[in-house]
Each structure stands twice: as C-alpha cells, then as structure tokens.
N, C-alpha and C. Protein backbone atom coordinates (compact mmCIF):
# COMPACT_ATOMS: atom_id res chain seq x y z
N MET A 1 139.76 101.79 95.25
CA MET A 1 139.37 102.99 95.92
C MET A 1 140.61 103.61 96.57
N ALA A 2 140.82 104.89 96.38
CA ALA A 2 142.00 105.58 96.92
C ALA A 2 141.81 105.86 98.40
N LYS A 3 142.91 105.75 99.13
CA LYS A 3 142.85 106.02 100.56
C LYS A 3 142.94 107.52 100.81
N LYS A 4 142.22 107.96 101.81
CA LYS A 4 142.29 109.36 102.20
C LYS A 4 143.52 109.56 103.08
N PRO A 5 144.18 110.71 102.95
CA PRO A 5 145.34 110.95 103.82
C PRO A 5 144.90 111.09 105.27
N ASN A 6 145.70 110.56 106.16
CA ASN A 6 145.39 110.61 107.59
C ASN A 6 145.88 111.94 108.16
N LYS A 7 144.95 112.83 108.49
CA LYS A 7 145.30 114.16 108.98
C LYS A 7 145.98 114.10 110.35
N LEU A 8 145.58 113.15 111.19
CA LEU A 8 146.18 113.04 112.51
C LEU A 8 147.64 112.66 112.41
N LYS A 9 147.98 111.79 111.50
CA LYS A 9 149.35 111.36 111.33
C LYS A 9 150.23 112.52 110.86
N ASP A 10 149.70 113.36 109.97
CA ASP A 10 150.44 114.51 109.47
C ASP A 10 150.69 115.53 110.58
N LYS A 11 149.73 115.73 111.47
CA LYS A 11 149.87 116.70 112.53
C LYS A 11 150.91 116.27 113.56
N LYS A 12 151.03 114.99 113.81
CA LYS A 12 152.00 114.49 114.79
C LYS A 12 153.43 114.78 114.34
N GLU A 13 153.67 114.81 113.06
CA GLU A 13 155.01 115.03 112.55
C GLU A 13 155.43 116.49 112.65
N GLU A 14 154.47 117.41 112.71
CA GLU A 14 154.78 118.82 112.82
C GLU A 14 155.24 119.16 114.22
N LYS A 15 156.29 119.97 114.32
CA LYS A 15 156.76 120.45 115.61
C LYS A 15 156.16 121.82 115.87
N PRO A 16 155.66 122.08 117.06
CA PRO A 16 155.09 123.39 117.36
C PRO A 16 156.18 124.45 117.47
N ARG A 17 155.79 125.70 117.22
CA ARG A 17 156.73 126.80 117.41
C ARG A 17 156.86 127.05 118.90
N VAL A 18 158.09 127.24 119.37
CA VAL A 18 158.33 127.48 120.78
C VAL A 18 159.24 128.68 120.96
N HIS A 19 159.26 129.21 122.17
CA HIS A 19 160.15 130.31 122.53
C HIS A 19 161.59 129.83 122.38
N LYS A 20 162.49 130.74 122.02
CA LYS A 20 163.88 130.34 121.77
C LYS A 20 164.54 129.75 123.02
N ASP A 21 164.11 130.15 124.22
CA ASP A 21 164.68 129.60 125.45
C ASP A 21 164.21 128.17 125.70
N LEU A 22 163.15 127.75 125.02
CA LEU A 22 162.60 126.41 125.23
C LEU A 22 162.85 125.47 124.05
N GLN A 23 163.79 125.82 123.19
CA GLN A 23 164.12 124.95 122.06
C GLN A 23 164.57 123.58 122.59
N GLY A 24 164.04 122.53 122.05
CA GLY A 24 164.39 121.18 122.46
C GLY A 24 163.55 120.64 123.60
N PHE A 25 162.60 121.43 124.09
CA PHE A 25 161.73 120.98 125.18
C PHE A 25 160.77 119.93 124.67
N ASP A 26 160.69 118.83 125.38
CA ASP A 26 159.79 117.76 125.01
C ASP A 26 159.13 117.24 126.28
N ILE A 27 157.84 116.97 126.20
CA ILE A 27 157.09 116.47 127.36
C ILE A 27 156.24 115.29 126.91
N GLU A 28 156.17 114.28 127.77
CA GLU A 28 155.35 113.11 127.47
C GLU A 28 154.88 112.49 128.78
N ILE A 29 153.83 111.73 128.70
CA ILE A 29 153.27 111.03 129.86
C ILE A 29 153.41 109.54 129.60
N ASN A 30 154.09 108.84 130.52
CA ASN A 30 154.30 107.41 130.32
C ASN A 30 153.06 106.61 130.72
N SER A 31 153.13 105.31 130.62
CA SER A 31 151.98 104.45 130.86
C SER A 31 151.52 104.45 132.33
N PHE A 32 152.39 104.92 133.24
CA PHE A 32 152.02 105.01 134.65
C PHE A 32 151.45 106.38 135.02
N GLY A 33 151.34 107.27 134.04
CA GLY A 33 150.80 108.60 134.28
C GLY A 33 151.85 109.59 134.76
N GLU A 34 153.11 109.22 134.71
CA GLU A 34 154.18 110.12 135.13
C GLU A 34 154.55 111.06 133.99
N ILE A 35 154.78 112.32 134.32
CA ILE A 35 155.17 113.31 133.32
C ILE A 35 156.68 113.29 133.18
N ARG A 36 157.15 113.13 131.97
CA ARG A 36 158.58 113.12 131.66
C ARG A 36 158.89 114.31 130.76
N THR A 37 159.88 115.10 131.12
CA THR A 37 160.27 116.26 130.32
C THR A 37 161.75 116.18 130.01
N SER A 38 162.14 116.91 128.96
CA SER A 38 163.55 116.94 128.58
C SER A 38 164.30 118.05 129.32
N PHE A 39 163.58 118.93 130.04
CA PHE A 39 164.19 120.01 130.82
C PHE A 39 163.96 119.76 132.30
N ASP A 40 164.88 120.28 133.11
CA ASP A 40 164.73 120.23 134.55
C ASP A 40 163.57 121.14 134.96
N ILE A 41 162.79 120.73 135.93
CA ILE A 41 161.62 121.49 136.36
C ILE A 41 162.01 122.88 136.87
N ASP A 42 163.19 123.01 137.46
CA ASP A 42 163.65 124.31 137.94
C ASP A 42 163.88 125.28 136.79
N LYS A 43 164.38 124.77 135.67
CA LYS A 43 164.59 125.61 134.50
C LYS A 43 163.24 126.07 133.91
N ILE A 44 162.27 125.18 133.90
CA ILE A 44 160.94 125.53 133.41
C ILE A 44 160.30 126.58 134.31
N ASN A 45 160.41 126.40 135.64
CA ASN A 45 159.84 127.36 136.57
C ASN A 45 160.51 128.72 136.46
N ALA A 46 161.83 128.75 136.26
CA ALA A 46 162.54 130.02 136.10
C ALA A 46 162.06 130.74 134.84
N PHE A 47 161.85 129.99 133.75
CA PHE A 47 161.33 130.58 132.52
C PHE A 47 159.94 131.16 132.74
N LEU A 48 159.08 130.41 133.41
CA LEU A 48 157.72 130.88 133.65
C LEU A 48 157.70 132.10 134.56
N ASN A 49 158.53 132.11 135.58
CA ASN A 49 158.60 133.26 136.48
C ASN A 49 159.05 134.51 135.74
N LYS A 50 159.93 134.33 134.80
CA LYS A 50 160.48 135.47 134.05
C LYS A 50 159.51 135.99 132.99
N ASN A 51 158.77 135.11 132.33
CA ASN A 51 158.00 135.48 131.15
C ASN A 51 156.48 135.50 131.30
N VAL A 52 155.95 134.98 132.39
CA VAL A 52 154.50 134.89 132.53
C VAL A 52 154.04 135.78 133.68
N ASP A 53 153.03 136.60 133.41
CA ASP A 53 152.47 137.49 134.41
C ASP A 53 151.50 136.70 135.29
N ASP A 54 151.74 136.71 136.59
CA ASP A 54 150.88 136.02 137.54
C ASP A 54 149.93 137.03 138.19
N LYS A 55 148.64 136.87 137.96
CA LYS A 55 147.64 137.81 138.47
C LYS A 55 147.69 137.93 140.00
N LYS A 56 147.98 136.86 140.67
CA LYS A 56 147.99 136.86 142.13
C LYS A 56 149.16 137.67 142.69
N LEU A 57 150.23 137.80 141.92
CA LEU A 57 151.42 138.48 142.41
C LEU A 57 151.57 139.91 141.91
N ARG A 58 150.62 140.42 141.15
CA ARG A 58 150.73 141.75 140.57
C ARG A 58 150.90 142.85 141.61
N ASP A 59 150.23 142.75 142.73
CA ASP A 59 150.23 143.82 143.72
C ASP A 59 151.37 143.72 144.74
N ARG A 60 152.24 142.75 144.60
CA ARG A 60 153.36 142.63 145.54
C ARG A 60 154.42 143.68 145.25
N ASP A 61 155.01 144.21 146.31
CA ASP A 61 156.04 145.23 146.17
C ASP A 61 157.38 144.65 145.71
N ASP A 62 157.66 143.41 146.05
CA ASP A 62 158.97 142.81 145.76
C ASP A 62 158.97 141.94 144.50
N ILE A 63 157.97 142.09 143.64
CA ILE A 63 157.87 141.23 142.46
C ILE A 63 159.02 141.44 141.49
N ASP A 64 159.49 142.67 141.32
CA ASP A 64 160.62 142.93 140.41
C ASP A 64 161.89 142.26 140.91
N GLU A 65 162.09 142.24 142.21
CA GLU A 65 163.26 141.58 142.78
C GLU A 65 163.20 140.08 142.53
N LEU A 66 162.03 139.50 142.65
CA LEU A 66 161.86 138.07 142.43
C LEU A 66 162.11 137.69 140.98
N LYS A 67 161.66 138.53 140.05
CA LYS A 67 161.83 138.23 138.63
C LYS A 67 163.29 138.32 138.20
N ASN A 68 164.05 139.19 138.82
CA ASN A 68 165.45 139.40 138.43
C ASN A 68 166.41 138.44 139.11
N ARG A 69 165.92 137.62 140.02
CA ARG A 69 166.76 136.68 140.73
C ARG A 69 167.15 135.51 139.85
N LYS A 70 168.36 135.00 140.05
CA LYS A 70 168.83 133.82 139.31
C LYS A 70 168.21 132.57 139.92
N PRO A 71 168.07 131.49 139.15
CA PRO A 71 167.44 130.27 139.68
C PRO A 71 168.15 129.70 140.91
N ASP A 72 169.49 129.81 140.98
CA ASP A 72 170.21 129.26 142.12
C ASP A 72 169.99 130.11 143.38
N GLU A 73 169.65 131.39 143.23
CA GLU A 73 169.36 132.24 144.37
C GLU A 73 168.01 131.92 144.97
N GLU A 74 167.07 131.43 144.17
CA GLU A 74 165.73 131.10 144.65
C GLU A 74 165.75 129.97 145.65
N SER A 75 166.69 129.06 145.51
CA SER A 75 166.76 127.93 146.42
C SER A 75 167.26 128.34 147.79
N LEU A 76 167.84 129.53 147.93
CA LEU A 76 168.34 130.00 149.21
C LEU A 76 167.25 130.57 150.08
N ILE A 77 166.08 130.81 149.53
CA ILE A 77 164.99 131.42 150.30
C ILE A 77 164.38 130.42 151.24
C-alpha cells in the first residue's frame, strides 16, 4: 500500500512571504514558554509603529511626529 504524502511536513518547509524590512525574522517558543526572536524587540516595535495603523492613536495631533522619529530618539522620551 502506498503512503500518502504528509501535507503538514510539506507546509513546514515553506517559508512565508514577509516584508523586505523583516527578511530573516524568525520567532519560536521554547519549552518554557519563552518567545525567542531573531530580531531585537525595539526593531520590531519601530517597524510596527511605522507600518501599522493604530486605531487608538488616529485622533492624536502628534502622531506624524511619532512615526517619523528614529528608534534611538524614542528611548529619550
């Protein structure tokens, strides 16, 4: 009897398409439940602040200033 191909195994080998700024990003959860990433959390937050619209912040007057700030300037606040 022929074995059926394992679809789950094939999907694990495929890499998802990602934004060019996030090339090489990898995330995993270890056996203790800790999240491990290949990028620094500050770099991820800067990317999200720049590219994702936050509904709660839409009505703020200074939102454009916050989006244009460099990541090292955010730590000075």
